[in-house]
Amino acid sequence: MLFLGKLRRLLGRHKKKSLLFLILTLVLVVTPFVLAPFYIYTRFNQETPIAELVFDRIDSQHYQAILFTGDFCTPERYEIWGDQWQLDAQFAKPKGWAVMLGLSSYYRLDRLSGRYRLISDQNSKKLFSHDLTPNLVFDFFSSTEVQGETAYLWDTIFGSSVFIGIDINKRYVVYNTEDAIIVRTVER
């Protein structure tokens, strides 16, 4: 009670300064709570393009895939069999608190392959996969320190894939999100 009495006397003498101080304090305290949902929404709904693919038909269920990654300037060409394509990636998802501090998910493209819509075709026709994994001195995804109970930053490491039917009139853009990779199509 003694403290409240002193505070009232102090505020009574300096009303304008006290009111300004109170308003600034409220703004500083309330602002993070008002802006936090927008920050969280932006962080968890962010999509970053990581690859683009287009296809040229070679024969029936046989295509040349043209893949752009990195700076999207240098195409890589791969033969694909099937009527669908599949892109696999290894994916590391950070823990929620690490995302709030600015850490983003981490991915590495792993494999490009063809698929068939029909299981009978998948089990009987030609299949071929292309390794997209770079040769690295330290392989983040095989390290046991970044996963498990002792991992402080990373929640989990898993595989993520996208697949969709091949249309030579479409361009496929693959995006990295906070949870996986996704694909969107646009006209070629």
Protein backbone atom coordinates (compact mmCIF):
# COMPACT_ATOMS: atom_id res chain seq x y z
CA MET A 1 0.00 0.00 0.00
CA LEU A 2 2.87 2.31 0.74
CA PHE A 3 4.16 1.83 -2.82
CA LEU A 4 0.77 2.67 -4.39
CA GLY A 5 0.55 5.86 -2.36
CA LYS A 6 3.99 7.00 -3.53
CA LEU A 7 3.09 6.11 -7.12
CA ARG A 8 -0.12 8.21 -6.93
CA ARG A 9 1.76 11.23 -5.58
CA LEU A 10 4.41 10.88 -8.32
CA LEU A 11 1.78 10.56 -11.05
CA GLY A 12 -0.15 13.51 -9.63
CA ARG A 13 2.87 15.83 -9.97
CA HIS A 14 3.79 14.78 -13.50
CA LYS A 15 0.46 14.00 -15.14
CA LYS A 16 1.44 14.66 -18.76
CA LYS A 17 4.75 12.76 -18.54
CA SER A 18 3.11 9.93 -16.62
CA LEU A 19 0.28 9.58 -19.13
CA LEU A 20 2.76 9.54 -22.03
CA PHE A 21 4.89 6.94 -20.22
CA LEU A 22 1.81 4.80 -19.55
CA ILE A 23 0.69 4.98 -23.20
CA LEU A 24 4.16 4.09 -24.50
CA THR A 25 4.42 1.19 -22.08
CA LEU A 26 1.02 -0.15 -23.17
CA VAL A 27 1.97 0.16 -26.84
CA LEU A 28 5.25 -1.69 -26.26
CA VAL A 29 3.53 -4.45 -24.30
CA VAL A 30 0.48 -4.88 -26.56
CA THR A 31 2.18 -4.59 -29.98
CA PRO A 32 3.91 -8.00 -29.93
CA PHE A 33 0.62 -9.70 -29.03
CA VAL A 34 -1.19 -7.94 -31.88
CA LEU A 35 1.55 -8.66 -34.46
CA ALA A 36 2.38 -12.24 -33.41
CA PRO A 37 -0.50 -13.92 -35.30
CA PHE A 38 0.54 -12.17 -38.52
CA TYR A 39 4.16 -13.24 -38.06
CA ILE A 40 3.14 -16.82 -37.30
CA TYR A 41 0.79 -16.94 -40.29
CA THR A 42 3.51 -15.62 -42.60
CA ARG A 43 6.18 -17.99 -41.27
CA PHE A 44 4.03 -21.12 -41.41
CA ASN A 45 2.45 -20.36 -44.80
CA GLN A 46 5.59 -19.33 -46.64
CA GLU A 47 6.23 -21.05 -50.01
CA THR A 48 9.66 -20.80 -51.64
CA PRO A 49 10.19 -22.10 -55.21
CA ILE A 50 12.95 -24.73 -55.26
CA ALA A 51 12.54 -26.43 -58.66
CA GLU A 52 10.80 -26.13 -62.01
CA LEU A 53 10.13 -28.94 -64.46
CA VAL A 54 8.93 -29.10 -68.04
CA PHE A 55 8.62 -32.20 -70.20
CA ASP A 56 9.17 -33.02 -73.86
CA ARG A 57 7.60 -36.20 -75.27
CA ILE A 58 10.03 -38.76 -76.70
CA ASP A 59 7.53 -41.61 -77.19
CA SER A 60 4.43 -43.02 -75.54
CA GLN A 61 5.02 -42.89 -71.75
CA HIS A 62 8.61 -41.76 -72.39
CA TYR A 63 9.66 -38.15 -71.75
CA GLN A 64 12.63 -35.92 -71.34
CA ALA A 65 12.34 -33.98 -68.09
CA ILE A 66 14.03 -30.59 -67.99
CA LEU A 67 14.73 -29.69 -64.37
CA PHE A 68 15.76 -26.27 -63.09
CA THR A 69 17.01 -25.90 -59.50
CA GLY A 70 19.24 -23.54 -57.56
CA ASP A 71 19.43 -20.30 -59.55
CA PHE A 72 16.93 -21.70 -62.14
CA CYS A 73 19.38 -20.86 -64.95
CA THR A 74 21.05 -24.19 -65.73
CA PRO A 75 18.75 -26.96 -66.96
CA GLU A 76 19.41 -30.60 -66.19
CA ARG A 77 17.89 -33.20 -68.52
CA TYR A 78 16.63 -36.64 -67.49
CA GLU A 79 14.72 -39.40 -69.26
CA ILE A 80 11.49 -40.37 -67.53
CA TRP A 81 9.24 -43.37 -68.21
CA GLY A 82 5.60 -43.36 -67.15
CA ASP A 83 2.64 -41.02 -67.31
CA GLN A 84 3.46 -39.26 -64.03
CA TRP A 85 6.60 -37.78 -62.52
CA GLN A 86 7.73 -37.88 -58.91
CA LEU A 87 10.23 -35.67 -57.09
CA ASP A 88 11.49 -36.84 -53.69
CA ALA A 89 13.24 -34.70 -51.10
CA GLN A 90 14.67 -35.21 -47.67
CA PHE A 91 13.19 -32.73 -45.25
CA ALA A 92 14.12 -31.41 -41.81
CA LYS A 93 11.46 -29.63 -39.80
CA PRO A 94 12.60 -27.34 -36.98
CA LYS A 95 10.87 -27.25 -33.61
CA GLY A 96 8.16 -24.62 -33.14
CA TRP A 97 10.22 -22.33 -30.93
CA ALA A 98 13.10 -22.45 -33.44
CA VAL A 99 10.71 -21.37 -36.21
CA MET A 100 9.55 -18.45 -34.05
CA LEU A 101 13.20 -17.40 -33.74
CA GLY A 102 13.59 -17.46 -37.53
CA LEU A 103 14.90 -20.96 -38.35
CA SER A 104 13.39 -22.33 -41.55
CA SER A 105 12.85 -25.88 -42.72
CA TYR A 106 15.72 -27.48 -44.58
CA TYR A 107 15.38 -29.69 -47.64
CA ARG A 108 17.56 -31.52 -50.13
CA LEU A 109 16.28 -32.84 -53.44
CA ASP A 110 16.87 -36.57 -53.50
CA ARG A 111 15.40 -38.29 -56.55
CA LEU A 112 13.49 -37.70 -59.78
CA SER A 113 11.60 -40.62 -61.27
CA GLY A 114 8.69 -41.61 -63.45
CA ARG A 115 5.52 -43.34 -62.27
CA TYR A 116 2.61 -45.06 -63.90
CA ARG A 117 -1.00 -44.39 -63.00
CA LEU A 118 -1.90 -48.06 -63.27
CA ILE A 119 -0.34 -50.40 -60.72
CA SER A 120 -0.12 -53.14 -63.39
CA ASP A 121 2.03 -50.78 -65.53
CA GLN A 122 4.09 -49.79 -62.49
CA ASN A 123 4.87 -53.45 -61.80
CA SER A 124 5.60 -54.49 -65.39
CA LYS A 125 6.98 -51.53 -67.38
CA LYS A 126 10.34 -49.79 -67.40
CA LEU A 127 11.19 -47.72 -64.34
CA PHE A 128 14.17 -45.45 -63.87
CA SER A 129 15.17 -43.03 -61.12
CA HIS A 130 17.72 -40.23 -61.17
CA ASP A 131 19.83 -39.39 -58.12
CA LEU A 132 19.74 -35.65 -57.35
CA THR A 133 21.67 -35.86 -54.06
CA PRO A 134 24.82 -33.72 -54.16
CA ASN A 135 28.15 -35.12 -53.00
CA LEU A 136 28.84 -33.43 -49.67
CA VAL A 137 31.59 -33.71 -47.09
CA PHE A 138 29.06 -33.51 -44.23
CA ASP A 139 25.65 -35.09 -44.80
CA PHE A 140 23.20 -33.22 -42.56
CA PHE A 141 20.46 -35.81 -43.10
CA SER A 142 22.53 -38.81 -42.02
CA SER A 143 23.89 -37.12 -38.90
CA THR A 144 22.44 -38.56 -35.69
CA GLU A 145 23.05 -35.31 -33.77
CA VAL A 146 20.33 -33.40 -35.63
CA GLN A 147 17.57 -35.83 -34.73
CA GLY A 148 16.35 -37.75 -31.73
CA GLU A 149 16.07 -36.76 -28.08
CA THR A 150 19.31 -34.74 -28.08
CA ALA A 151 18.25 -32.57 -31.01
CA TYR A 152 17.39 -29.10 -29.73
CA LEU A 153 16.60 -27.33 -33.00
CA TRP A 154 15.11 -30.04 -35.23
CA ASP A 155 11.77 -31.67 -34.62
CA THR A 156 12.02 -34.42 -37.21
CA ILE A 157 13.72 -35.50 -40.42
CA PHE A 158 11.59 -37.26 -43.03
CA GLY A 159 11.03 -37.79 -46.73
CA SER A 160 8.63 -35.67 -48.72
CA SER A 161 7.45 -36.35 -52.27
CA VAL A 162 5.27 -34.77 -54.90
CA PHE A 163 3.87 -36.53 -57.93
CA ILE A 164 1.49 -35.50 -60.66
CA GLY A 165 0.58 -36.48 -64.22
CA ILE A 166 2.85 -35.35 -67.05
CA ASP A 167 1.46 -32.70 -69.42
CA ILE A 168 3.90 -31.30 -72.00
CA ASN A 169 1.88 -28.06 -72.07
CA LYS A 170 2.44 -27.37 -68.36
CA ARG A 171 5.31 -26.07 -66.29
CA TYR A 172 5.55 -27.52 -62.80
CA VAL A 173 6.86 -25.36 -59.96
CA VAL A 174 7.90 -27.16 -56.78
CA TYR A 175 7.81 -25.19 -53.54
CA ASN A 176 9.37 -25.72 -50.13
CA THR A 177 6.91 -25.03 -47.32
CA GLU A 178 7.36 -25.21 -43.58
CA ASP A 179 6.06 -28.81 -43.57
CA ALA A 180 6.87 -30.43 -46.94
CA ILE A 181 7.30 -29.82 -50.64
CA ILE A 182 4.31 -29.07 -52.87
CA VAL A 183 3.79 -28.57 -56.61
CA ARG A 184 1.73 -26.05 -58.59
CA THR A 185 1.18 -26.05 -62.34
CA VAL A 186 1.17 -23.15 -64.77
CA GLU A 187 0.88 -22.94 -68.54
CA ARG A 188 4.17 -23.51 -70.32
